[in-house]
Amino acid sequence: MSTFLATGWGSNGEARALAMTEGCIGNSTLFILFAALVCIGVVLYTAPLKRDKKE
């Protein structure tokens, strides 16, 4: 059921609109933004530190 609501398969969008109104489904843009921020944070956290160059 949640897949049908999230993707809109087999409906004209009324079920998705009602679910968003009730708070069962959020805006997909927020999820994508949150996932991108987590990925950037992981990359920055695991990046090697710059070391002083000794000549």
PDB file of N, CA and C in Angstrom:
ATOM      1  N   MET A   1       0.821  -1.191   0.000  1.00  0.00           N
ATOM      2  CA  MET A   1       0.000   0.000   0.000  1.00  0.00           C
ATOM      3  C   MET A   1       0.866   1.256   0.000  1.00  0.00           C
ATOM      4  N   SER A   2       1.933   1.261   0.792  1.00  0.00           N
ATOM      5  CA  SER A   2       2.769   2.463   0.855  1.00  0.00           C
ATOM      6  C   SER A   2       3.470   2.728  -0.465  1.00  0.00           C
ATOM      7  N   THR A   3       3.839   1.669  -1.190  1.00  0.00           N
ATOM      8  CA  THR A   3       4.461   1.859  -2.504  1.00  0.00           C
ATOM      9  C   THR A   3       3.492   2.516  -3.468  1.00  0.00           C
ATOM     10  N   PHE A   4       2.249   2.106  -3.435  1.00  0.00           N
ATOM     11  CA  PHE A   4       1.253   2.713  -4.301  1.00  0.00           C
ATOM     12  C   PHE A   4       1.028   4.181  -3.951  1.00  0.00           C
ATOM     13  N   LEU A   5       1.053   4.507  -2.662  1.00  0.00           N
ATOM     14  CA  LEU A   5       0.857   5.891  -2.249  1.00  0.00           C
ATOM     15  C   LEU A   5       2.070   6.753  -2.587  1.00  0.00           C
ATOM     16  N   ALA A   6       3.258   6.193  -2.391  1.00  0.00           N
ATOM     17  CA  ALA A   6       4.477   6.972  -2.622  1.00  0.00           C
ATOM     18  C   ALA A   6       4.732   7.215  -4.102  1.00  0.00           C
ATOM     19  N   THR A   7       4.433   6.232  -4.934  1.00  0.00           N
ATOM     20  CA  THR A   7       4.744   6.370  -6.355  1.00  0.00           C
ATOM     21  C   THR A   7       3.563   6.829  -7.175  1.00  0.00           C
ATOM     22  N   GLY A   8       2.365   6.658  -6.674  1.00  0.00           N
ATOM     23  CA  GLY A   8       1.187   7.067  -7.416  1.00  0.00           C
ATOM     24  C   GLY A   8       0.735   6.055  -8.443  1.00  0.00           C
ATOM     25  N   TRP A   9       1.244   4.808  -8.363  1.00  0.00           N
ATOM     26  CA  TRP A   9       0.860   3.779  -9.321  1.00  0.00           C
ATOM     27  C   TRP A   9      -0.607   3.420  -9.132  1.00  0.00           C
ATOM     28  N   GLY A  10      -1.323   3.313 -10.207  1.00  0.00           N
ATOM     29  CA  GLY A  10      -2.689   2.831 -10.154  1.00  0.00           C
ATOM     30  C   GLY A  10      -3.682   3.801  -9.571  1.00  0.00           C
ATOM     31  N   SER A  11      -3.313   5.060  -9.497  1.00  0.00           N
ATOM     32  CA  SER A  11      -4.264   6.041  -8.975  1.00  0.00           C
ATOM     33  C   SER A  11      -4.117   7.337  -9.756  1.00  0.00           C
ATOM     34  N   ASN A  12      -5.071   8.187  -9.595  1.00  0.00           N
ATOM     35  CA  ASN A  12      -5.008   9.480 -10.273  1.00  0.00           C
ATOM     36  C   ASN A  12      -4.423  10.564  -9.369  1.00  0.00           C
ATOM     37  N   GLY A  13      -3.826  10.176  -8.271  1.00  0.00           N
ATOM     38  CA  GLY A  13      -3.168  11.125  -7.382  1.00  0.00           C
ATOM     39  C   GLY A  13      -3.998  11.526  -6.185  1.00  0.00           C
ATOM     40  N   GLU A  14      -5.269  11.140  -6.144  1.00  0.00           N
ATOM     41  CA  GLU A  14      -6.103  11.531  -5.010  1.00  0.00           C
ATOM     42  C   GLU A  14      -5.657  10.863  -3.721  1.00  0.00           C
ATOM     43  N   ALA A  15      -5.297   9.579  -3.811  1.00  0.00           N
ATOM     44  CA  ALA A  15      -4.859   8.867  -2.604  1.00  0.00           C
ATOM     45  C   ALA A  15      -3.564   9.463  -2.071  1.00  0.00           C
ATOM     46  N   ARG A  16      -2.653   9.828  -2.958  1.00  0.00           N
ATOM     47  CA  ARG A  16      -1.385  10.430  -2.526  1.00  0.00           C
ATOM     48  C   ARG A  16      -1.648  11.794  -1.890  1.00  0.00           C
ATOM     49  N   ALA A  17      -2.516  12.581  -2.496  1.00  0.00           N
ATOM     50  CA  ALA A  17      -2.827  13.902  -1.943  1.00  0.00           C
ATOM     51  C   ALA A  17      -3.466  13.782  -0.564  1.00  0.00           C
ATOM     52  N   LEU A  18      -4.364  12.825  -0.406  1.00  0.00           N
ATOM     53  CA  LEU A  18      -4.995  12.620   0.902  1.00  0.00           C
ATOM     54  C   LEU A  18      -3.980  12.149   1.938  1.00  0.00           C
ATOM     55  N   ALA A  19      -3.078  11.262   1.522  1.00  0.00           N
ATOM     56  CA  ALA A  19      -2.053  10.775   2.454  1.00  0.00           C
ATOM     57  C   ALA A  19      -1.114  11.901   2.866  1.00  0.00           C
ATOM     58  N   MET A  20      -0.764  12.784   1.941  1.00  0.00           N
ATOM     59  CA  MET A  20       0.099  13.915   2.292  1.00  0.00           C
ATOM     60  C   MET A  20      -0.627  14.867   3.233  1.00  0.00           C
ATOM     61  N   THR A  21      -1.921  15.048   3.014  1.00  0.00           N
ATOM     62  CA  THR A  21      -2.707  15.914   3.894  1.00  0.00           C
ATOM     63  C   THR A  21      -2.754  15.358   5.315  1.00  0.00           C
ATOM     64  N   GLU A  22      -2.873  14.051   5.430  1.00  0.00           N
ATOM     65  CA  GLU A  22      -2.946  13.409   6.748  1.00  0.00           C
ATOM     66  C   GLU A  22      -1.585  13.277   7.408  1.00  0.00           C
ATOM     67  N   GLY A  23      -0.506  13.495   6.659  1.00  0.00           N
ATOM     68  CA  GLY A  23       0.834  13.407   7.223  1.00  0.00           C
ATOM     69  C   GLY A  23       1.461  12.037   7.107  1.00  0.00           C
ATOM     70  N   CYS A  24       0.867  11.145   6.325  1.00  0.00           N
ATOM     71  CA  CYS A  24       1.420   9.798   6.157  1.00  0.00           C
ATOM     72  C   CYS A  24       2.594   9.785   5.180  1.00  0.00           C
ATOM     73  N   ILE A  25       2.612  10.709   4.254  1.00  0.00           N
ATOM     74  CA  ILE A  25       3.672  10.788   3.247  1.00  0.00           C
ATOM     75  C   ILE A  25       4.220  12.203   3.274  1.00  0.00           C
ATOM     76  N   GLY A  26       5.540  12.304   3.269  1.00  0.00           N
ATOM     77  CA  GLY A  26       6.174  13.609   3.247  1.00  0.00           C
ATOM     78  C   GLY A  26       6.584  14.002   1.844  1.00  0.00           C
ATOM     79  N   ASN A  27       7.159  15.161   1.732  1.00  0.00           N
ATOM     80  CA  ASN A  27       7.651  15.652   0.461  1.00  0.00           C
ATOM     81  C   ASN A  27       8.918  14.885   0.098  1.00  0.00           C
ATOM     82  N   SER A  28       8.986  14.350  -1.101  1.00  0.00           N
ATOM     83  CA  SER A  28      10.149  13.559  -1.495  1.00  0.00           C
ATOM     84  C   SER A  28      11.405  14.416  -1.626  1.00  0.00           C
ATOM     85  N   THR A  29      11.248  15.698  -1.850  1.00  0.00           N
ATOM     86  CA  THR A  29      12.396  16.587  -1.958  1.00  0.00           C
ATOM     87  C   THR A  29      13.155  16.641  -0.634  1.00  0.00           C
ATOM     88  N   LEU A  30      12.448  16.632   0.469  1.00  0.00           N
ATOM     89  CA  LEU A  30      13.107  16.668   1.775  1.00  0.00           C
ATOM     90  C   LEU A  30      13.933  15.409   2.003  1.00  0.00           C
ATOM     91  N   PHE A  31      13.416  14.257   1.600  1.00  0.00           N
ATOM     92  CA  PHE A  31      14.164  13.015   1.752  1.00  0.00           C
ATOM     93  C   PHE A  31      15.433  13.038   0.920  1.00  0.00           C
ATOM     94  N   ILE A  32      15.331  13.491  -0.319  1.00  0.00           N
ATOM     95  CA  ILE A  32      16.499  13.543  -1.206  1.00  0.00           C
ATOM     96  C   ILE A  32      17.535  14.503  -0.648  1.00  0.00           C
ATOM     97  N   LEU A  33      17.103  15.647  -0.145  1.00  0.00           N
ATOM     98  CA  LEU A  33      18.021  16.615   0.447  1.00  0.00           C
ATOM     99  C   LEU A  33      18.708  16.036   1.678  1.00  0.00           C
ATOM    100  N   PHE A  34      17.946  15.383   2.538  1.00  0.00           N
ATOM    101  CA  PHE A  34      18.524  14.782   3.744  1.00  0.00           C
ATOM    102  C   PHE A  34      19.531  13.686   3.390  1.00  0.00           C
ATOM    103  N   ALA A  35      19.195  12.843   2.422  1.00  0.00           N
ATOM    104  CA  ALA A  35      20.101  11.776   2.004  1.00  0.00           C
ATOM    105  C   ALA A  35      21.383  12.348   1.408  1.00  0.00           C
ATOM    106  N   ALA A  36      21.273  13.410   0.614  1.00  0.00           N
ATOM    107  CA  ALA A  36      22.459  14.042   0.035  1.00  0.00           C
ATOM    108  C   ALA A  36      23.346  14.649   1.124  1.00  0.00           C
ATOM    109  N   LEU A  37      22.740  15.269   2.120  1.00  0.00           N
ATOM    110  CA  LEU A  37      23.525  15.844   3.218  1.00  0.00           C
ATOM    111  C   LEU A  37      24.251  14.772   4.019  1.00  0.00           C
ATOM    112  N   VAL A  38      23.599  13.646   4.228  1.00  0.00           N
ATOM    113  CA  VAL A  38      24.252  12.540   4.936  1.00  0.00           C
ATOM    114  C   VAL A  38      25.437  12.030   4.125  1.00  0.00           C
ATOM    115  N   CYS A  39      25.259  11.879   2.820  1.00  0.00           N
ATOM    116  CA  CYS A  39      26.353  11.404   1.964  1.00  0.00           C
ATOM    117  C   CYS A  39      27.531  12.369   1.978  1.00  0.00           C
ATOM    118  N   ILE A  40      27.255  13.655   1.880  1.00  0.00           N
ATOM    119  CA  ILE A  40      28.326  14.651   1.920  1.00  0.00           C
ATOM    120  C   ILE A  40      29.029  14.616   3.273  1.00  0.00           C
ATOM    121  N   GLY A  41      28.265  14.470   4.334  1.00  0.00           N
ATOM    122  CA  GLY A  41      28.865  14.388   5.663  1.00  0.00           C
ATOM    123  C   GLY A  41      29.772  13.178   5.825  1.00  0.00           C
ATOM    124  N   VAL A  42      29.363  12.045   5.282  1.00  0.00           N
ATOM    125  CA  VAL A  42      30.187  10.837   5.363  1.00  0.00           C
ATOM    126  C   VAL A  42      31.471  11.020   4.573  1.00  0.00           C
ATOM    127  N   VAL A  43      31.370  11.616   3.393  1.00  0.00           N
ATOM    128  CA  VAL A  43      32.569  11.839   2.573  1.00  0.00           C
ATOM    129  C   VAL A  43      33.532  12.776   3.299  1.00  0.00           C
ATOM    130  N   LEU A  44      33.023  13.847   3.866  1.00  0.00           N
ATOM    131  CA  LEU A  44      33.896  14.775   4.585  1.00  0.00           C
ATOM    132  C   LEU A  44      34.484  14.150   5.846  1.00  0.00           C
ATOM    133  N   TYR A  45      33.712  13.318   6.512  1.00  0.00           N
ATOM    134  CA  TYR A  45      34.186  12.679   7.740  1.00  0.00           C
ATOM    135  C   TYR A  45      35.292  11.669   7.453  1.00  0.00           C
ATOM    136  N   THR A  46      35.190  10.978   6.334  1.00  0.00           N
ATOM    137  CA  THR A  46      36.168   9.939   6.019  1.00  0.00           C
ATOM    138  C   THR A  46      37.291  10.426   5.119  1.00  0.00           C
ATOM    139  N   ALA A  47      37.279  11.688   4.711  1.00  0.00           N
ATOM    140  CA  ALA A  47      38.329  12.221   3.846  1.00  0.00           C
ATOM    141  C   ALA A  47      39.640  12.296   4.616  1.00  0.00           C
ATOM    142  N   PRO A  48      40.740  12.016   3.929  1.00  0.00           N
ATOM    143  CA  PRO A  48      42.028  12.105   4.617  1.00  0.00           C
ATOM    144  C   PRO A  48      42.351  13.561   4.968  1.00  0.00           C
ATOM    145  N   LEU A  49      43.004  13.732   6.088  1.00  0.00           N
ATOM    146  CA  LEU A  49      43.372  15.066   6.528  1.00  0.00           C
ATOM    147  C   LEU A  49      44.559  15.573   5.722  1.00  0.00           C
ATOM    148  N   LYS A  50      44.603  16.882   5.500  1.00  0.00           N
ATOM    149  CA  LYS A  50      45.754  17.467   4.818  1.00  0.00           C
ATOM    150  C   LYS A  50      46.893  17.521   5.817  1.00  0.00           C
ATOM    151  N   ARG A  51      48.038  17.106   5.372  1.00  0.00           N
ATOM    152  CA  ARG A  51      49.221  17.104   6.240  1.00  0.00           C
ATOM    153  C   ARG A  51      50.148  18.230   5.814  1.00  0.00           C
ATOM    154  N   ASP A  52      50.886  18.741   6.742  1.00  0.00           N
ATOM    155  CA  ASP A  52      51.845  19.796   6.424  1.00  0.00           C
ATOM    156  C   ASP A  52      52.913  19.259   5.514  1.00  0.00           C
ATOM    157  N   LYS A  53      53.221  20.044   4.486  1.00  0.00           N
ATOM    158  CA  LYS A  53      54.275  19.642   3.554  1.00  0.00           C
ATOM    159  C   LYS A  53      55.610  20.074   4.137  1.00  0.00           C
ATOM    160  N   LYS A  54      56.510  19.124   4.262  1.00  0.00           N
ATOM    161  CA  LYS A  54      57.844  19.442   4.749  1.00  0.00           C
ATOM    162  C   LYS A  54      58.800  19.400   3.571  1.00  0.00           C
ATOM    163  N   GLU A  55      59.545  20.470   3.419  1.00  0.00           N
ATOM    164  CA  GLU A  55      60.468  20.540   2.293  1.00  0.00           C
ATOM    165  C   GLU A  55      61.868  20.244   2.712  1.00  0.00           C
TER     166      GLU A  55
END
